[in-house]
Amino acid sequence: MQNAKEKIPLGTLNPSIAIARLVDVFSHEATDRLEGLKIIRDNGWVHVRASNTEPIIRCYAEARTHKEAQELAGMVIKALQTVV
């Protein structure tokens, strides 16, 4: 399995609000809400959570290939840009 990591800056938006909006966007997906939001797919997963030290959301993805992991992270980043 391959990993991807991203830091998503939020500006003035509260990370909890941003994650709540992502929960709505991905409500049709298999998810886990422990410590943020984890979206689970057949080829891997992507987990987003608020940073404890910075005004950002941390995004971690794992998939069969590095490209697939990057695509999962990109999916969340794109969704976040549409709801912010």
Protein backbone atom coordinates (compact mmCIF):
# COMPACT_ATOMS: atom_id res chain seq x y z
CA MET A 1 0.00 0.00 0.00
CA GLN A 2 1.14 3.53 -0.79
CA ASN A 3 0.50 6.76 1.14
CA ALA A 4 -0.16 10.42 0.42
CA LYS A 5 -0.17 13.28 2.94
CA GLU A 6 -1.49 16.81 2.47
CA LYS A 7 -1.96 19.90 4.61
CA ILE A 8 -5.07 21.87 3.69
CA PRO A 9 -5.00 25.52 4.86
CA LEU A 10 -8.38 26.86 5.97
CA GLY A 11 -7.79 30.56 6.47
CA THR A 12 -10.42 31.73 8.93
CA LEU A 13 -12.74 28.73 8.56
CA ASN A 14 -13.09 26.59 11.68
CA PRO A 15 -11.73 23.06 10.97
CA SER A 16 -14.73 21.46 12.68
CA ILE A 17 -17.10 23.28 10.33
CA ALA A 18 -15.02 22.26 7.31
CA ILE A 19 -15.10 18.59 8.34
CA ALA A 20 -18.85 18.78 9.03
CA ARG A 21 -19.34 20.05 5.48
CA LEU A 22 -17.24 17.17 4.13
CA VAL A 23 -19.41 14.72 6.11
CA ASP A 24 -22.41 16.07 4.17
CA VAL A 25 -20.62 15.87 0.82
CA PHE A 26 -19.54 12.27 1.38
CA SER A 27 -22.68 11.07 3.19
CA HIS A 28 -23.27 8.43 0.49
CA GLU A 29 -19.85 6.85 1.11
CA ALA A 30 -18.72 4.28 3.68
CA THR A 31 -17.23 6.43 6.44
CA ASP A 32 -15.82 6.37 9.94
CA ARG A 33 -16.18 9.49 12.11
CA LEU A 34 -13.53 8.64 14.70
CA GLU A 35 -11.15 11.62 14.98
CA GLY A 36 -12.37 13.47 11.89
CA LEU A 37 -13.69 11.78 8.76
CA LYS A 38 -12.40 8.64 7.09
CA ILE A 39 -13.81 7.73 3.67
CA ILE A 40 -13.39 4.06 2.91
CA ARG A 41 -13.32 2.71 -0.63
CA ASP A 42 -12.40 -0.63 -2.19
CA ASN A 43 -9.03 0.64 -3.42
CA GLY A 44 -8.09 2.50 -0.21
CA TRP A 45 -9.12 5.21 2.21
CA VAL A 46 -8.65 8.89 2.95
CA HIS A 47 -8.76 10.41 6.44
CA VAL A 48 -9.11 14.11 7.28
CA ARG A 49 -8.82 15.65 10.71
CA ALA A 50 -8.19 19.03 12.25
CA SER A 51 -4.59 19.74 13.23
CA ASN A 52 -4.00 20.24 16.93
CA THR A 53 -1.27 22.81 16.31
CA GLU A 54 -2.10 24.69 13.09
CA PRO A 55 -5.22 26.16 11.40
CA ILE A 56 -5.24 23.37 8.82
CA ILE A 57 -6.83 20.05 8.06
CA ARG A 58 -4.46 17.12 7.75
CA CYS A 59 -5.30 14.67 5.00
CA TYR A 60 -3.88 11.15 4.88
CA ALA A 61 -4.66 8.67 2.12
CA GLU A 62 -3.65 5.08 1.52
CA ALA A 63 -4.27 3.04 -1.62
CA ARG A 64 -2.76 0.32 -3.76
CA THR A 65 -0.65 2.80 -5.71
CA HIS A 66 0.78 6.23 -4.91
CA LYS A 67 -1.28 7.70 -7.76
CA GLU A 68 -4.52 6.29 -6.31
CA ALA A 69 -3.61 7.65 -2.86
CA GLN A 70 -2.97 11.09 -4.38
CA GLU A 71 -6.31 10.90 -6.21
CA LEU A 72 -8.16 10.13 -2.96
CA ALA A 73 -6.50 13.09 -1.25
CA GLY A 74 -7.25 15.27 -4.26
CA MET A 75 -10.91 14.24 -4.15
CA VAL A 76 -11.21 15.57 -0.60
CA ILE A 77 -9.29 18.76 -1.37
CA LYS A 78 -11.53 19.47 -4.37
CA ALA A 79 -14.67 18.80 -2.32
CA LEU A 80 -13.43 21.08 0.42
CA GLN A 81 -12.83 23.90 -2.06
CA THR A 82 -16.47 23.69 -3.18
CA VAL A 83 -17.93 23.91 0.34
CA VAL A 84 -15.67 26.59 1.84
